[in-house]
Protein backbone atom coordinates (compact mmCIF):
# COMPACT_ATOMS: atom_id res chain seq x y z
CA MET A 1 122.80 7.56 117.06
CA HIS A 2 120.08 7.84 120.07
CA GLU A 3 122.02 8.92 123.19
CA LEU A 4 119.99 5.70 124.97
CA LEU A 5 122.18 3.25 122.89
CA ASN A 6 125.17 4.62 124.50
CA VAL A 7 123.70 3.01 127.72
CA SER A 8 123.06 -0.21 126.02
CA ALA A 9 125.62 -3.26 127.26
CA SER A 10 124.61 -5.05 123.79
CA TYR A 11 125.07 -2.17 121.90
CA GLN A 12 128.91 -1.77 122.93
CA ALA A 13 129.63 -5.26 122.06
CA TYR A 14 128.14 -4.64 118.69
CA MET A 15 130.23 -1.54 117.86
CA ALA A 16 133.22 -3.54 119.14
CA SER A 17 132.95 -6.13 116.79
CA PRO A 18 135.43 -6.44 114.16
CA TYR A 19 133.31 -7.59 111.53
CA LYS A 20 130.12 -5.68 109.69
CA SER A 21 126.71 -6.45 111.19
CA ILE A 22 123.32 -4.78 110.63
CA LYS A 23 121.07 -4.15 113.68
CA HIS A 24 117.96 -2.71 114.37
CA SER A 25 118.27 0.49 116.66
CA THR A 26 115.36 -0.30 119.04
CA TYR A 27 116.89 -4.00 119.55
CA PHE A 28 120.05 -3.62 121.67
CA HIS A 29 117.58 -2.93 124.37
CA VAL A 30 115.73 -5.49 124.00
CA TYR A 31 118.69 -7.88 123.83
CA ASP A 32 119.86 -6.08 127.31
CA GLU A 33 116.97 -7.02 129.12
CA LEU A 34 116.72 -10.86 127.59
CA PHE A 35 120.14 -12.05 127.34
CA SER A 36 122.21 -10.02 130.28
CA ARG A 37 120.93 -12.89 132.73
CA TYR A 38 123.73 -15.13 130.79
CA ARG A 39 126.34 -12.77 131.07
CA GLY A 40 129.54 -14.96 132.21
CA LYS A 41 128.12 -17.79 132.50
CA GLU A 42 128.58 -21.39 130.16
CA ILE A 43 125.93 -21.47 127.95
CA VAL A 44 125.30 -22.75 124.71
CA PHE A 45 124.49 -19.92 122.76
CA VAL A 46 122.77 -20.29 118.61
CA GLU A 47 122.64 -17.32 116.14
CA ILE A 48 121.11 -18.62 112.72
CA GLY A 49 121.45 -16.18 110.23
CA VAL A 50 125.46 -15.28 110.72
CA PHE A 51 126.28 -13.37 107.68
CA GLY A 52 129.58 -11.94 107.88
CA GLY A 53 130.32 -12.79 111.38
CA GLY A 54 130.02 -9.55 113.00
CA SER A 55 126.93 -10.60 115.21
CA LEU A 56 129.08 -13.80 116.40
CA PHE A 57 131.74 -11.79 117.72
CA MET A 58 129.31 -9.08 119.18
CA TRP A 59 128.10 -12.24 121.49
CA ARG A 60 131.21 -13.38 122.21
CA ASN A 61 131.89 -9.87 123.73
CA PHE A 62 128.30 -9.55 125.49
CA LEU A 63 127.78 -12.64 127.04
CA GLY A 64 132.14 -13.45 127.87
CA PRO A 65 134.35 -16.24 126.92
CA LYS A 66 132.23 -18.92 129.12
CA ALA A 67 129.61 -19.01 126.04
CA ARG A 68 129.58 -21.89 123.58
CA ILE A 69 128.66 -19.69 120.26
CA ILE A 70 126.97 -21.64 117.73
CA GLY A 71 126.34 -19.91 114.12
CA VAL A 72 123.51 -21.09 111.91
CA ASP A 73 123.80 -20.27 107.84
CA LEU A 74 122.79 -21.37 104.90
CA ASN A 75 125.83 -20.11 103.11
CA PRO A 76 128.76 -22.65 102.92
CA GLU A 77 131.22 -19.43 103.41
CA ALA A 78 129.99 -19.10 106.44
CA LYS A 79 132.52 -21.63 107.62
CA ASN A 80 135.42 -19.53 107.35
CA LEU A 81 134.38 -18.05 110.51
CA GLU A 82 135.40 -21.46 112.42
CA LYS A 83 138.90 -20.34 112.57
CA HIS A 84 137.95 -17.65 115.11
CA GLY A 85 136.78 -20.42 117.39
CA PHE A 86 133.26 -20.33 116.24
CA GLU A 87 131.21 -23.37 116.01
CA ILE A 88 129.53 -23.19 112.39
CA HIS A 89 126.64 -25.54 110.68
CA ILE A 90 125.19 -24.95 107.26
CA GLY A 91 121.49 -26.27 106.49
CA SER A 92 118.12 -24.32 105.55
CA GLN A 93 116.31 -23.29 109.08
CA SER A 94 113.32 -24.93 107.10
CA ASP A 95 114.49 -28.40 106.71
CA GLU A 96 113.27 -30.37 109.58
CA ALA A 97 116.08 -32.80 108.83
CA PHE A 98 118.63 -30.44 109.20
CA TRP A 99 117.29 -29.28 112.74
CA SER A 100 116.99 -33.33 113.20
CA GLU A 101 120.77 -33.52 112.48
CA PHE A 102 121.92 -30.32 114.28
CA VAL A 103 120.03 -31.20 117.65
CA GLY A 104 121.85 -34.14 117.39
CA ARG A 105 125.46 -32.80 116.92
CA VAL A 106 124.80 -29.72 119.09
CA GLY A 107 122.65 -31.22 122.04
CA ARG A 108 120.68 -29.10 124.42
CA MET A 109 120.70 -25.35 123.93
CA ASP A 110 119.77 -22.09 126.45
CA VAL A 111 119.72 -19.59 124.01
CA VAL A 112 118.41 -19.17 120.14
CA LEU A 113 117.97 -16.10 118.90
CA ASP A 114 116.49 -16.63 115.37
CA ASP A 115 117.89 -14.17 112.35
CA GLY A 116 117.90 -15.79 109.24
CA GLY A 117 115.17 -15.55 106.17
CA HIS A 118 112.30 -14.37 108.13
CA THR A 119 109.91 -16.29 106.06
CA TYR A 120 107.00 -17.79 107.85
CA LEU A 121 108.01 -21.48 107.25
CA GLN A 122 111.81 -20.79 108.29
CA GLN A 123 110.78 -18.91 111.27
CA ILE A 124 107.84 -21.22 112.25
CA ALA A 125 110.02 -24.49 111.66
CA THR A 126 112.80 -23.12 113.40
CA THR A 127 110.70 -22.44 116.37
CA GLU A 128 109.04 -25.92 116.24
CA MET A 129 111.91 -27.82 116.05
CA LEU A 130 114.18 -26.28 118.44
CA LEU A 131 111.66 -25.14 121.35
CA PRO A 132 111.83 -29.39 122.86
CA HIS A 133 115.64 -28.78 123.05
CA ILE A 134 116.24 -25.46 125.58
CA ASN A 135 117.32 -26.50 128.76
CA ASP A 136 115.03 -24.76 131.40
CA GLY A 137 115.40 -21.14 132.25
CA GLY A 138 116.38 -20.53 128.30
CA MET A 139 114.88 -19.02 125.79
CA LEU A 140 113.71 -18.92 121.76
CA VAL A 141 113.92 -15.40 120.24
CA VAL A 142 112.92 -14.75 116.77
CA GLU A 143 113.72 -11.55 115.36
CA ASP A 144 112.00 -8.93 112.80
CA THR A 145 108.82 -10.24 112.88
CA HIS A 146 107.63 -7.11 111.44
CA THR A 147 107.95 -9.48 108.12
CA SER A 148 104.34 -10.94 109.59
CA TYR A 149 102.76 -7.54 108.25
CA MET A 150 104.66 -7.46 104.75
CA ASP A 151 104.49 -9.05 101.66
CA GLY A 152 107.13 -11.73 100.22
CA PHE A 153 107.44 -13.72 103.40
CA GLY A 154 104.25 -16.65 102.85
CA PRO A 155 101.01 -16.53 102.92
CA ARG A 156 99.58 -13.80 105.32
CA LYS A 157 97.34 -16.12 106.99
CA TYR A 158 99.88 -17.98 107.91
CA SER A 159 102.08 -15.69 109.11
CA PHE A 160 104.48 -16.24 112.07
CA LEU A 161 102.53 -13.56 113.99
CA ASN A 162 99.52 -15.41 113.77
CA TYR A 163 101.45 -18.56 114.75
CA VAL A 164 102.53 -16.96 117.68
CA LYS A 165 98.86 -15.74 118.71
CA HIS A 166 97.45 -19.24 118.11
CA LEU A 167 100.45 -20.35 121.50
CA LEU A 168 98.97 -17.53 123.28
CA ASP A 169 95.89 -19.33 123.01
CA SER A 170 97.39 -23.04 123.84
CA ILE A 171 99.45 -21.34 127.07
CA ASN A 172 95.38 -19.50 128.21
CA TYR A 173 94.42 -22.92 127.52
CA ARG A 174 96.19 -24.40 130.45
CA PHE A 175 93.32 -22.79 133.08
CA SER A 176 91.24 -25.47 134.23
CA GLY A 177 88.20 -25.66 132.68
CA ILE A 178 88.90 -24.74 129.55
CA ASP A 179 90.80 -27.28 126.93
CA SER A 180 93.24 -28.91 128.53
CA VAL A 181 93.88 -31.10 124.89
CA LYS A 182 95.14 -27.97 123.30
CA SER A 183 97.54 -26.48 125.82
CA ASP A 184 100.83 -26.06 125.34
CA LYS A 185 103.13 -27.08 128.55
CA ARG A 186 106.58 -26.26 125.56
CA ILE A 187 106.45 -22.85 126.50
CA PHE A 188 106.20 -20.79 130.41
CA SER A 189 105.74 -17.09 128.65
CA ILE A 190 105.59 -15.35 125.63
CA GLN A 191 107.14 -11.79 125.78
CA SER A 192 106.95 -9.31 122.63
CA PHE A 193 108.84 -6.51 121.71
CA GLU A 194 108.93 -4.46 118.73
CA SER A 195 109.90 -6.62 115.77
CA ILE A 196 110.92 -9.32 118.37
CA VAL A 197 109.35 -12.19 120.41
CA ALA A 198 110.74 -14.33 123.17
CA PHE A 199 109.39 -17.68 124.04
CA CYS A 200 110.63 -17.91 127.70
CA ILE A 201 111.21 -22.06 128.56
CA ASP A 202 110.81 -23.70 132.20
CA THR A 203 108.76 -26.84 131.97
CA ASN A 204 108.15 -27.59 135.71
CA LYS A 205 106.11 -24.31 135.94
CA ALA A 206 104.63 -24.77 132.19
CA LYS A 207 103.19 -28.11 133.54
CA LEU A 208 101.87 -27.02 137.11
CA PRO A 209 98.60 -28.03 137.38
CA SER A 210 95.66 -25.13 137.11
CA GLN A 211 93.88 -25.75 140.38
CA THR A 212 92.03 -23.04 142.82
CA THR A 213 94.00 -22.06 146.12
CA SER A 214 92.92 -20.78 149.13
CA ASN A 215 95.44 -19.45 151.50
CA ASN A 216 93.06 -20.55 154.77
CA GLY A 217 92.47 -17.48 155.85
CA ILE A 218 89.24 -15.55 158.01
CA ASP A 219 85.91 -15.59 155.33
CA THR A 220 84.29 -13.18 155.76
CA SER A 221 81.97 -13.91 152.81
CA PRO A 222 81.70 -10.30 150.93
CA LYS A 223 79.40 -9.51 148.22
CA SER A 224 81.24 -9.92 145.18
CA TYR A 225 81.27 -6.93 142.72
CA GLU A 226 82.88 -8.62 140.23
CA HIS A 227 80.60 -7.45 137.10
CA HIS A 228 78.89 -4.95 138.65
CA GLY A 229 77.60 -2.54 136.26
CA ASN A 230 77.34 -4.85 133.91
CA LYS A 231 74.08 -4.69 131.91
CA PHE A 232 74.57 -8.42 130.04
CA THR A 233 75.74 -10.10 133.38
CA SER A 234 72.54 -8.81 134.87
CA ILE A 235 70.46 -10.38 132.42
CA THR A 236 71.95 -13.41 131.77
CA SER A 237 72.25 -13.96 135.81
CA ALA A 238 68.87 -14.00 135.96
CA ILE A 239 68.14 -17.31 133.77
CA PRO A 240 67.26 -19.94 136.11
CA LEU A 241 69.61 -22.68 136.70
CA TRP A 242 67.80 -25.75 135.41
CA ALA A 243 68.22 -23.47 131.79
CA LYS A 244 71.56 -23.15 132.42
CA ASN A 245 72.16 -27.01 132.87
CA LEU A 246 70.53 -27.64 129.52
CA GLN A 247 73.66 -26.09 127.80
CA LYS A 248 74.96 -29.77 127.71
CA TYR A 249 72.86 -30.59 124.55
CA LYS A 250 74.24 -29.13 121.33
CA ILE A 251 71.38 -27.85 119.95
CA ILE A 252 70.27 -25.62 123.36
CA ASN A 253 73.39 -24.97 123.69
CA PHE A 254 73.63 -23.40 119.86
CA VAL A 255 70.47 -21.52 120.80
CA GLY A 256 71.56 -20.54 124.16
CA LYS A 257 74.51 -18.88 122.68
CA LYS A 258 72.76 -16.98 119.98
CA ILE A 259 70.11 -15.56 122.67
CA THR A 260 73.34 -14.30 125.16
CA SER A 261 74.79 -12.64 121.84
CA SER A 262 71.92 -10.60 121.01
CA ILE A 263 71.18 -9.82 124.62
CA TYR A 264 75.25 -8.45 124.64
CA ASN A 265 74.15 -6.45 121.20
CA ARG A 266 71.67 -5.24 122.72
CA THR A 267 73.35 -4.12 126.14
CA GLY A 268 76.22 -2.25 123.93
CA GLY A 269 78.78 -4.56 124.59
CA THR A 270 79.95 -5.20 121.14
CA ASN A 271 80.01 -1.79 120.41
CA LYS A 272 82.54 -0.75 123.03
CA LEU A 273 84.07 -4.00 122.24
CA LYS A 274 84.77 -2.90 118.77
CA LEU A 275 86.28 0.46 119.97
CA TYR A 276 89.12 -1.28 121.36
CA PHE A 277 90.24 -3.11 118.59
CA SER A 278 89.53 0.26 116.48
CA LYS A 279 92.83 0.97 114.01
CA HIS A 280 92.24 4.20 114.88
CA ARG A 281 91.60 4.06 118.27
CA LYS A 282 92.91 7.85 120.07
C-alpha cells in the first residue's frame, strides 16, 4: 500500500481493527482531516452500514474511549456487536419512520457517517432526516458518492450529487438580494472530496444575516476595475438607467434578458465559458 497511508492515524486504527472492514485507500486522509478534531472528546458518532463490525472498532481506536459509537444496519445480525459495547439500531435508512424513531432514542449527534446502501434515495433520505439533529460543530459525511455516476442506484437525474448541487445553490441563496426564501440555513458549508461529501453544521453562522459592511476606513474613492476589459459589461453599462428600471415588468424583463444574452454571445463570452465546462479541457 502507498507509503502515504502509513502516516494516517485513521488508517492505523483501521489496520488495528480485529474484524474485517473494507475501505477505499483515498478515504483515510479525508477521515484524518474531517474527524481528527473529535479525537479524545465526548461525542456521539453514528456509522450507517457496519457490515461485520470492523469499522466500529476502527472508530473506537481512532476517536478514543470517550466517544459514544452507534451503528446502524439493515441486517439483524449486526445486533451481535452490542456485546462489544457498541449501540446497534436495525432499520432501513430510506425509511423516514425509522429515522424518527432513531432520533427519539439517540438524541442529538455530533458526527454521522453514511456508509450504507449508496442508493440515491438512501443517501438523500438519511441526509434530510438527520441534518436537523446534528450539533453545531458537527457534520454529516456521505461516502461512496461516486455511485451518482453509476447505473443501478436510482434515476441519474435525482442522484445524490445533483441533490448536493441543489444544496450548494441554496447556501448561496443566503446572499442578500438573491432569494432568501430558497436558502438553506441548516448547513454552514459543504466540503467535497473524491467520493465523499461532508456537510458542516453551524446554525449560528448559517443564519447570520447577509449584509454589506464597512470598516469605516478612509475612503479614497478609487476607480472600479471590477469588470475592466469585459466587452459585455462595457456594452450593457451604456444602457440608460430608465431602461434598466423597466425590468420590473415581466415582458420587458424577458426581452431584456434575450438582448443581453445575445450581446454576451457576440462578445465571445459563451464560447469562453464552454471551454471551462468542456470534459476535454486541457
